[in-house]
């Protein structure tokens, strides 16, 4: 009934889960301090993190991806996947020289999403209110505390994650009806939810002014500058991502030269 191929490729979420996970816990473990510390330690080791900040950032934003997958399947199939913590396992898998963080859906369960616009709006808004109150918001706060971060450091990445998915759907899915539905459903998430659900003054999914930078490999393509730093530089010999919002113009130009020189050699 559901095609997980794209979701599995980009978000590493599926009923099958990772083929060879090196770490696997129920998502309910995010609420157990000892289990969460172990999750941060094991996740951090895969990227040579110098503190818990980087794995906390990665695990926290993985929960954003869980919500986006729910959005996608609601738009594609008019079905809401059960992705509460008792039905998903957090997994870490090594892939060549980097790690994938994702989730295995234990039992593929879903309920119908209404197709009538007002009923759909009420249904999805109620779902998100319950989902964030009971799962995502307390999980983000627990992860941030364990990583010695402010929750905002994680929440601020959410709008960029959603915008990247919106751009991908619009550019690559070649299905105007799906694109229209996904944009409408994600607008509910980004513009209609009370910021109090996230214990913030702003809805973390809302991105007012997305910024883009030229793809150094293809000047006709633009890359989104994330809404906030993912902290990938907080690892041994770490450097900022090319699209990092903390990178200055001069830093990015220098990195662009390095990328082009490396591409010419290879």
C-alpha atoms as a PDB file:
ATOM      1  CA  UNK A   1       0.000   0.000   0.000  1.00  0.00           C
ATOM      2  CA  UNK A   2       2.847   2.400   0.838  1.00  0.00           C
ATOM      3  CA  UNK A   3       6.031   3.081  -1.138  1.00  0.00           C
ATOM      4  CA  UNK A   4       8.851   3.865   1.289  1.00  0.00           C
ATOM      5  CA  UNK A   5      11.656   3.936  -1.301  1.00  0.00           C
ATOM      6  CA  UNK A   6      12.291   7.710  -1.288  1.00  0.00           C
ATOM      7  CA  UNK A   7      11.664   8.041   2.433  1.00  0.00           C
ATOM      8  CA  UNK A   8      14.069   5.198   3.136  1.00  0.00           C
ATOM      9  CA  UNK A   9      16.708   6.684   0.848  1.00  0.00           C
ATOM     10  CA  UNK A  10      16.641  10.232   2.227  1.00  0.00           C
ATOM     11  CA  UNK A  11      15.282   9.894   5.760  1.00  0.00           C
ATOM     12  CA  UNK A  12      16.205   6.268   6.597  1.00  0.00           C
ATOM     13  CA  UNK A  13      12.709   5.527   7.883  1.00  0.00           C
ATOM     14  CA  UNK A  14      10.866   2.353   6.896  1.00  0.00           C
ATOM     15  CA  UNK A  15       9.135  -0.781   8.232  1.00  0.00           C
ATOM     16  CA  UNK A  16      12.275  -2.774   7.332  1.00  0.00           C
ATOM     17  CA  UNK A  17      14.621  -0.413   9.151  1.00  0.00           C
ATOM     18  CA  UNK A  18      18.377  -0.372   8.655  1.00  0.00           C
ATOM     19  CA  UNK A  19      19.939  -3.492   7.151  1.00  0.00           C
ATOM     20  CA  UNK A  20      22.833  -3.592   9.627  1.00  0.00           C
ATOM     21  CA  UNK A  21      22.128  -1.289  12.572  1.00  0.00           C
ATOM     22  CA  UNK A  22      24.965  -0.906  15.055  1.00  0.00           C
ATOM     23  CA  UNK A  23      22.587   0.625  17.579  1.00  0.00           C
ATOM     24  CA  UNK A  24      18.846   0.147  18.007  1.00  0.00           C
ATOM     25  CA  UNK A  25      16.502   1.321  20.790  1.00  0.00           C
ATOM     26  CA  UNK A  26      12.777   2.000  21.105  1.00  0.00           C
ATOM     27  CA  UNK A  27      12.119   5.738  20.761  1.00  0.00           C
ATOM     28  CA  UNK A  28      10.608   5.554  24.250  1.00  0.00           C
ATOM     29  CA  UNK A  29      14.265   5.398  25.352  1.00  0.00           C
ATOM     30  CA  UNK A  30      14.545   9.147  24.722  1.00  0.00           C
ATOM     31  CA  UNK A  31      12.659   9.578  27.987  1.00  0.00           C
ATOM     32  CA  UNK A  32      15.043   7.414  30.016  1.00  0.00           C
ATOM     33  CA  UNK A  33      18.139   9.444  31.025  1.00  0.00           C
ATOM     34  CA  UNK A  34      20.551   6.487  31.041  1.00  0.00           C
ATOM     35  CA  UNK A  35      19.338   5.168  27.675  1.00  0.00           C
ATOM     36  CA  UNK A  36      19.459   8.643  26.167  1.00  0.00           C
ATOM     37  CA  UNK A  37      23.029   9.217  27.330  1.00  0.00           C
ATOM     38  CA  UNK A  38      24.025   5.908  25.753  1.00  0.00           C
ATOM     39  CA  UNK A  39      22.241   6.912  22.520  1.00  0.00           C
ATOM     40  CA  UNK A  40      24.149  10.208  22.425  1.00  0.00           C
ATOM     41  CA  UNK A  41      27.447   8.438  23.123  1.00  0.00           C
ATOM     42  CA  UNK A  42      26.957   5.739  20.485  1.00  0.00           C
ATOM     43  CA  UNK A  43      25.635   8.210  17.898  1.00  0.00           C
ATOM     44  CA  UNK A  44      28.444  10.678  18.603  1.00  0.00           C
ATOM     45  CA  UNK A  45      31.140   8.038  18.184  1.00  0.00           C
ATOM     46  CA  UNK A  46      30.077   7.407  14.584  1.00  0.00           C
ATOM     47  CA  UNK A  47      30.872  11.019  13.623  1.00  0.00           C
ATOM     48  CA  UNK A  48      33.847  11.591  15.957  1.00  0.00           C
ATOM     49  CA  UNK A  49      31.858  14.179  17.908  1.00  0.00           C
ATOM     50  CA  UNK A  50      33.839  16.191  20.452  1.00  0.00           C
ATOM     51  CA  UNK A  51      30.819  16.604  22.753  1.00  0.00           C
ATOM     52  CA  UNK A  52      27.171  15.571  23.029  1.00  0.00           C
ATOM     53  CA  UNK A  53      26.070  18.691  21.152  1.00  0.00           C
ATOM     54  CA  UNK A  54      26.410  17.159  17.669  1.00  0.00           C
ATOM     55  CA  UNK A  55      24.598  13.858  18.372  1.00  0.00           C
ATOM     56  CA  UNK A  56      21.898  15.781  20.260  1.00  0.00           C
ATOM     57  CA  UNK A  57      21.452  18.008  17.205  1.00  0.00           C
ATOM     58  CA  UNK A  58      21.262  15.009  14.876  1.00  0.00           C
ATOM     59  CA  UNK A  59      18.877  12.972  17.034  1.00  0.00           C
ATOM     60  CA  UNK A  60      16.692  16.016  17.670  1.00  0.00           C
ATOM     61  CA  UNK A  61      16.336  16.873  13.984  1.00  0.00           C
ATOM     62  CA  UNK A  62      15.646  13.215  13.185  1.00  0.00           C
ATOM     63  CA  UNK A  63      12.321  13.780  14.967  1.00  0.00           C
ATOM     64  CA  UNK A  64      11.603  16.583  12.509  1.00  0.00           C
ATOM     65  CA  UNK A  65      12.081  14.038   9.726  1.00  0.00           C
ATOM     66  CA  UNK A  66       9.594  11.709  11.418  1.00  0.00           C
ATOM     67  CA  UNK A  67       6.978  14.467  11.294  1.00  0.00           C
ATOM     68  CA  UNK A  68       7.794  15.239   7.651  1.00  0.00           C
ATOM     69  CA  UNK A  69       7.361  11.562   6.724  1.00  0.00           C
ATOM     70  CA  UNK A  70       3.923  11.644   8.327  1.00  0.00           C
ATOM     71  CA  UNK A  71       3.138  14.733   6.257  1.00  0.00           C
ATOM     72  CA  UNK A  72       4.303  13.079   3.048  1.00  0.00           C
ATOM     73  CA  UNK A  73       2.228   9.962   3.527  1.00  0.00           C
ATOM     74  CA  UNK A  74      -0.834  11.976   4.512  1.00  0.00           C
ATOM     75  CA  UNK A  75      -0.465  13.900   1.237  1.00  0.00           C
ATOM     76  CA  UNK A  76       0.324  10.864  -0.925  1.00  0.00           C
ATOM     77  CA  UNK A  77      -2.111   8.318   0.498  1.00  0.00           C
ATOM     78  CA  UNK A  78      -4.494  10.225   2.781  1.00  0.00           C
ATOM     79  CA  UNK A  79      -3.285   7.993   5.602  1.00  0.00           C
ATOM     80  CA  UNK A  80      -1.696   9.016   8.898  1.00  0.00           C
ATOM     81  CA  UNK A  81       1.108   6.674   9.974  1.00  0.00           C
ATOM     82  CA  UNK A  82       1.395   5.617  13.613  1.00  0.00           C
ATOM     83  CA  UNK A  83       4.809   6.991  14.522  1.00  0.00           C
ATOM     84  CA  UNK A  84       4.419   7.353  18.246  1.00  0.00           C
ATOM     85  CA  UNK A  85       7.487   6.374  20.290  1.00  0.00           C
ATOM     86  CA  UNK A  86       6.180   2.927  21.206  1.00  0.00           C
ATOM     87  CA  UNK A  87       5.931   2.041  17.501  1.00  0.00           C
ATOM     88  CA  UNK A  88       9.308   3.254  16.206  1.00  0.00           C
ATOM     89  CA  UNK A  89      12.889   2.258  16.971  1.00  0.00           C
ATOM     90  CA  UNK A  90      15.758   4.740  16.691  1.00  0.00           C
ATOM     91  CA  UNK A  91      18.621   3.190  14.708  1.00  0.00           C
ATOM     92  CA  UNK A  92      22.198   4.030  13.769  1.00  0.00           C
ATOM     93  CA  UNK A  93      23.856   2.422  10.755  1.00  0.00           C
ATOM     94  CA  UNK A  94      27.335   2.971   9.337  1.00  0.00           C
ATOM     95  CA  UNK A  95      27.449   3.588   5.594  1.00  0.00           C
ATOM     96  CA  UNK A  96      30.974   3.759   4.183  1.00  0.00           C
ATOM     97  CA  UNK A  97      32.585   6.746   5.943  1.00  0.00           C
ATOM     98  CA  UNK A  98      29.442   8.217   7.515  1.00  0.00           C
ATOM     99  CA  UNK A  99      26.490   7.257   9.680  1.00  0.00           C
ATOM    100  CA  UNK A 100      22.768   7.170   8.941  1.00  0.00           C
ATOM    101  CA  UNK A 101      20.328   7.905  11.741  1.00  0.00           C
ATOM    102  CA  UNK A 102      16.818   6.663  11.179  1.00  0.00           C
ATOM    103  CA  UNK A 103      13.822   4.727  12.432  1.00  0.00           C
ATOM    104  CA  UNK A 104      12.300   1.311  12.010  1.00  0.00           C
ATOM    105  CA  UNK A 105       8.501   1.311  12.117  1.00  0.00           C
ATOM    106  CA  UNK A 106       7.612  -1.732  14.221  1.00  0.00           C
ATOM    107  CA  UNK A 107       4.061  -2.253  12.981  1.00  0.00           C
ATOM    108  CA  UNK A 108       2.744  -0.500   9.889  1.00  0.00           C
ATOM    109  CA  UNK A 109      -0.482   1.042  11.162  1.00  0.00           C
ATOM    110  CA  UNK A 110      -2.376   4.025   9.816  1.00  0.00           C
ATOM    111  CA  UNK A 111      -5.726   5.775  10.003  1.00  0.00           C
ATOM    112  CA  UNK A 112      -7.523   7.631   7.181  1.00  0.00           C
ATOM    113  CA  UNK A 113      -7.042  11.376   6.800  1.00  0.00           C
ATOM    114  CA  UNK A 114     -10.224  13.203   5.737  1.00  0.00           C
ATOM    115  CA  UNK A 115     -10.163  14.600   2.215  1.00  0.00           C
ATOM    116  CA  UNK A 116     -12.736  17.378   2.737  1.00  0.00           C
ATOM    117  CA  UNK A 117     -10.590  20.491   3.343  1.00  0.00           C
ATOM    118  CA  UNK A 118     -12.079  21.731   6.626  1.00  0.00           C
ATOM    119  CA  UNK A 119     -12.334  18.235   8.113  1.00  0.00           C
ATOM    120  CA  UNK A 120      -8.763  17.551   7.011  1.00  0.00           C
ATOM    121  CA  UNK A 121      -7.527  20.771   8.605  1.00  0.00           C
ATOM    122  CA  UNK A 122      -9.240  20.016  11.926  1.00  0.00           C
ATOM    123  CA  UNK A 123      -8.026  16.414  11.893  1.00  0.00           C
ATOM    124  CA  UNK A 124      -4.363  17.264  11.178  1.00  0.00           C
ATOM    125  CA  UNK A 125      -4.227  20.171  13.623  1.00  0.00           C
ATOM    126  CA  UNK A 126      -5.596  17.942  16.375  1.00  0.00           C
ATOM    127  CA  UNK A 127      -3.077  15.239  15.515  1.00  0.00           C
ATOM    128  CA  UNK A 128      -0.136  17.636  15.592  1.00  0.00           C
ATOM    129  CA  UNK A 129      -1.269  19.160  18.887  1.00  0.00           C
ATOM    130  CA  UNK A 130      -1.370  15.708  20.494  1.00  0.00           C
ATOM    131  CA  UNK A 131       1.815  14.511  18.796  1.00  0.00           C
ATOM    132  CA  UNK A 132       3.965  17.416  19.905  1.00  0.00           C
ATOM    133  CA  UNK A 133       2.472  17.617  23.382  1.00  0.00           C
ATOM    134  CA  UNK A 134       2.908  13.924  24.112  1.00  0.00           C
ATOM    135  CA  UNK A 135       6.037  13.041  22.160  1.00  0.00           C
ATOM    136  CA  UNK A 136       8.148  15.426  20.109  1.00  0.00           C
ATOM    137  CA  UNK A 137       8.351  18.467  22.391  1.00  0.00           C
ATOM    138  CA  UNK A 138       9.258  16.586  25.597  1.00  0.00           C
ATOM    139  CA  UNK A 139      11.668  14.407  23.582  1.00  0.00           C
ATOM    140  CA  UNK A 140      13.424  17.452  22.094  1.00  0.00           C
ATOM    141  CA  UNK A 141      13.726  19.018  25.535  1.00  0.00           C
ATOM    142  CA  UNK A 142      15.166  15.806  27.009  1.00  0.00           C
ATOM    143  CA  UNK A 143      17.633  15.410  24.130  1.00  0.00           C
ATOM    144  CA  UNK A 144      18.725  19.057  24.367  1.00  0.00           C
ATOM    145  CA  UNK A 145      19.276  18.835  28.115  1.00  0.00           C
ATOM    146  CA  UNK A 146      21.298  15.628  27.743  1.00  0.00           C
ATOM    147  CA  UNK A 147      23.401  17.292  25.041  1.00  0.00           C
ATOM    148  CA  UNK A 148      23.895  20.459  27.101  1.00  0.00           C
ATOM    149  CA  UNK A 149      22.048  22.511  24.486  1.00  0.00           C
ATOM    150  CA  UNK A 150      19.129  24.887  24.557  1.00  0.00           C
ATOM    151  CA  UNK A 151      16.081  23.304  22.848  1.00  0.00           C
ATOM    152  CA  UNK A 152      16.071  26.236  20.398  1.00  0.00           C
ATOM    153  CA  UNK A 153      19.363  24.966  18.937  1.00  0.00           C
ATOM    154  CA  UNK A 154      17.414  21.928  17.716  1.00  0.00           C
ATOM    155  CA  UNK A 155      14.043  23.542  16.971  1.00  0.00           C
ATOM    156  CA  UNK A 156      15.627  26.229  14.778  1.00  0.00           C
ATOM    157  CA  UNK A 157      16.670  23.563  12.267  1.00  0.00           C
ATOM    158  CA  UNK A 158      13.107  22.366  11.657  1.00  0.00           C
ATOM    159  CA  UNK A 159      11.981  25.048   9.205  1.00  0.00           C
ATOM    160  CA  UNK A 160      14.928  24.380   6.898  1.00  0.00           C
ATOM    161  CA  UNK A 161      14.240  20.633   6.962  1.00  0.00           C
ATOM    162  CA  UNK A 162      10.622  21.217   5.948  1.00  0.00           C
ATOM    163  CA  UNK A 163      11.547  23.735   3.240  1.00  0.00           C
ATOM    164  CA  UNK A 164      14.061  21.313   1.694  1.00  0.00           C
ATOM    165  CA  UNK A 165      11.338  18.673   1.454  1.00  0.00           C
ATOM    166  CA  UNK A 166       8.874  21.155  -0.045  1.00  0.00           C
ATOM    167  CA  UNK A 167      11.444  22.128  -2.678  1.00  0.00           C
ATOM    168  CA  UNK A 168      12.233  18.481  -3.428  1.00  0.00           C
ATOM    169  CA  UNK A 169       8.569  17.517  -3.830  1.00  0.00           C
ATOM    170  CA  UNK A 170       7.912  20.503  -6.098  1.00  0.00           C
ATOM    171  CA  UNK A 171      10.999  19.881  -8.262  1.00  0.00           C
ATOM    172  CA  UNK A 172      11.195  16.107  -8.520  1.00  0.00           C
ATOM    173  CA  UNK A 173       7.884  14.384  -7.832  1.00  0.00           C
ATOM    174  CA  UNK A 174       6.297  15.576 -11.101  1.00  0.00           C
ATOM    175  CA  UNK A 175       2.858  15.214  -9.520  1.00  0.00           C
ATOM    176  CA  UNK A 176       1.144  18.618  -9.303  1.00  0.00           C
ATOM    177  CA  UNK A 177      -1.758  17.314  -7.200  1.00  0.00           C
ATOM    178  CA  UNK A 178       0.607  15.756  -4.654  1.00  0.00           C
ATOM    179  CA  UNK A 179       2.723  18.915  -4.542  1.00  0.00           C
ATOM    180  CA  UNK A 180      -0.342  21.075  -3.963  1.00  0.00           C
ATOM    181  CA  UNK A 181      -1.631  18.805  -1.196  1.00  0.00           C
ATOM    182  CA  UNK A 182       1.772  18.539   0.503  1.00  0.00           C
ATOM    183  CA  UNK A 183       2.235  22.307   0.488  1.00  0.00           C
ATOM    184  CA  UNK A 184      -1.265  22.792   1.895  1.00  0.00           C
ATOM    185  CA  UNK A 185      -0.761  20.188   4.637  1.00  0.00           C
ATOM    186  CA  UNK A 186       2.680  21.515   5.557  1.00  0.00           C
ATOM    187  CA  UNK A 187       1.269  25.041   5.753  1.00  0.00           C
ATOM    188  CA  UNK A 188      -0.993  23.806   8.552  1.00  0.00           C
ATOM    189  CA  UNK A 189       2.065  22.532  10.385  1.00  0.00           C
ATOM    190  CA  UNK A 190       4.088  25.703   9.826  1.00  0.00           C
ATOM    191  CA  UNK A 191       1.494  28.442  10.190  1.00  0.00           C
ATOM    192  CA  UNK A 192      -1.496  27.199  12.181  1.00  0.00           C
ATOM    193  CA  UNK A 193       0.013  25.554  15.248  1.00  0.00           C
ATOM    194  CA  UNK A 194       0.333  27.495  18.495  1.00  0.00           C
ATOM    195  CA  UNK A 195       4.041  28.065  19.314  1.00  0.00           C
ATOM    196  CA  UNK A 196       3.164  27.087  22.889  1.00  0.00           C
ATOM    197  CA  UNK A 197       2.991  23.468  21.664  1.00  0.00           C
ATOM    198  CA  UNK A 198       6.762  23.696  21.230  1.00  0.00           C
ATOM    199  CA  UNK A 199       7.337  25.807  24.357  1.00  0.00           C
ATOM    200  CA  UNK A 200       8.616  28.554  22.076  1.00  0.00           C
ATOM    201  CA  UNK A 201       7.545  32.009  20.979  1.00  0.00           C
ATOM    202  CA  UNK A 202       7.677  31.025  17.292  1.00  0.00           C
ATOM    203  CA  UNK A 203       6.527  27.988  15.376  1.00  0.00           C
ATOM    204  CA  UNK A 204       9.790  26.164  14.495  1.00  0.00           C
ATOM    205  CA  UNK A 205       8.472  24.973  11.117  1.00  0.00           C
ATOM    206  CA  UNK A 206       7.829  28.490   9.809  1.00  0.00           C
ATOM    207  CA  UNK A 207      10.519  29.925   7.527  1.00  0.00           C
ATOM    208  CA  UNK A 208       9.874  33.531   6.548  1.00  0.00           C
ATOM    209  CA  UNK A 209      12.731  34.209   4.137  1.00  0.00           C
ATOM    210  CA  UNK A 210      14.477  31.135   2.744  1.00  0.00           C
ATOM    211  CA  UNK A 211      17.976  31.821   1.422  1.00  0.00           C
ATOM    212  CA  UNK A 212      19.831  29.927  -1.290  1.00  0.00           C
ATOM    213  CA  UNK A 213      23.413  29.621  -2.467  1.00  0.00           C
ATOM    214  CA  UNK A 214      24.726  28.558  -5.855  1.00  0.00           C
ATOM    215  CA  UNK A 215      25.640  24.894  -6.219  1.00  0.00           C
ATOM    216  CA  UNK A 216      29.404  24.978  -6.943  1.00  0.00           C
ATOM    217  CA  UNK A 217      29.077  21.855  -9.119  1.00  0.00           C
ATOM    218  CA  UNK A 218      26.167  23.197 -11.176  1.00  0.00           C
ATOM    219  CA  UNK A 219      25.685  26.960 -11.382  1.00  0.00           C
ATOM    220  CA  UNK A 220      22.123  26.547 -12.641  1.00  0.00           C
ATOM    221  CA  UNK A 221      21.089  24.879  -9.381  1.00  0.00           C
ATOM    222  CA  UNK A 222      20.550  26.486  -5.988  1.00  0.00           C
ATOM    223  CA  UNK A 223      21.063  24.912  -2.568  1.00  0.00           C
ATOM    224  CA  UNK A 224      18.997  25.961   0.402  1.00  0.00           C
ATOM    225  CA  UNK A 225      20.902  27.527   3.280  1.00  0.00           C
ATOM    226  CA  UNK A 226      19.549  25.715   6.366  1.00  0.00           C
ATOM    227  CA  UNK A 227      17.551  27.722   8.874  1.00  0.00           C
ATOM    228  CA  UNK A 228      20.131  27.000  11.576  1.00  0.00           C
ATOM    229  CA  UNK A 229      23.527  25.330  11.999  1.00  0.00           C
ATOM    230  CA  UNK A 230      23.422  21.536  12.399  1.00  0.00           C
ATOM    231  CA  UNK A 231      26.699  21.625  14.405  1.00  0.00           C
ATOM    232  CA  UNK A 232      28.468  19.208  12.081  1.00  0.00           C
ATOM    233  CA  UNK A 233      31.700  21.093  12.709  1.00  0.00           C
ATOM    234  CA  UNK A 234      31.644  19.985  16.363  1.00  0.00           C
ATOM    235  CA  UNK A 235      33.711  16.892  15.660  1.00  0.00           C
ATOM    236  CA  UNK A 236      37.373  16.043  15.347  1.00  0.00           C
ATOM    237  CA  UNK A 237      38.897  18.232  12.606  1.00  0.00           C
ATOM    238  CA  UNK A 238      35.359  19.399  11.869  1.00  0.00           C
ATOM    239  CA  UNK A 239      34.514  22.114   9.367  1.00  0.00           C
ATOM    240  CA  UNK A 240      31.281  23.926   8.583  1.00  0.00           C
ATOM    241  CA  UNK A 241      29.028  22.604   5.829  1.00  0.00           C
ATOM    242  CA  UNK A 242      29.159  24.548   2.538  1.00  0.00           C
ATOM    243  CA  UNK A 243      25.592  25.744   3.124  1.00  0.00           C
ATOM    244  CA  UNK A 244      26.072  26.530   6.834  1.00  0.00           C
ATOM    245  CA  UNK A 245      24.197  29.722   7.775  1.00  0.00           C
ATOM    246  CA  UNK A 246      27.122  30.640  10.063  1.00  0.00           C
ATOM    247  CA  UNK A 247      29.583  30.699   7.155  1.00  0.00           C
ATOM    248  CA  UNK A 248      30.615  34.146   5.928  1.00  0.00           C
ATOM    249  CA  UNK A 249      30.668  35.090   2.237  1.00  0.00           C
ATOM    250  CA  UNK A 250      34.483  34.954   2.183  1.00  0.00           C
ATOM    251  CA  UNK A 251      34.531  31.557   3.895  1.00  0.00           C
ATOM    252  CA  UNK A 252      32.053  30.169   1.403  1.00  0.00           C
ATOM    253  CA  UNK A 253      34.026  31.539  -1.564  1.00  0.00           C
ATOM    254  CA  UNK A 254      37.189  29.926  -0.200  1.00  0.00           C
ATOM    255  CA  UNK A 255      35.356  26.624   0.270  1.00  0.00           C
ATOM    256  CA  UNK A 256      33.937  26.906  -3.264  1.00  0.00           C
ATOM    257  CA  UNK A 257      37.490  27.195  -4.643  1.00  0.00           C
ATOM    258  CA  UNK A 258      38.530  24.114  -2.655  1.00  0.00           C
ATOM    259  CA  UNK A 259      35.535  22.156  -3.979  1.00  0.00           C
ATOM    260  CA  UNK A 260      36.226  23.131  -7.599  1.00  0.00           C
ATOM    261  CA  UNK A 261      39.932  22.335  -7.278  1.00  0.00           C
ATOM    262  CA  UNK A 262      39.126  18.929  -5.804  1.00  0.00           C
ATOM    263  CA  UNK A 263      36.552  18.253  -8.539  1.00  0.00           C
ATOM    264  CA  UNK A 264      39.139  19.137 -11.221  1.00  0.00           C
ATOM    265  CA  UNK A 265      41.625  16.658  -9.747  1.00  0.00           C
ATOM    266  CA  UNK A 266      39.089  13.837  -9.599  1.00  0.00           C
END
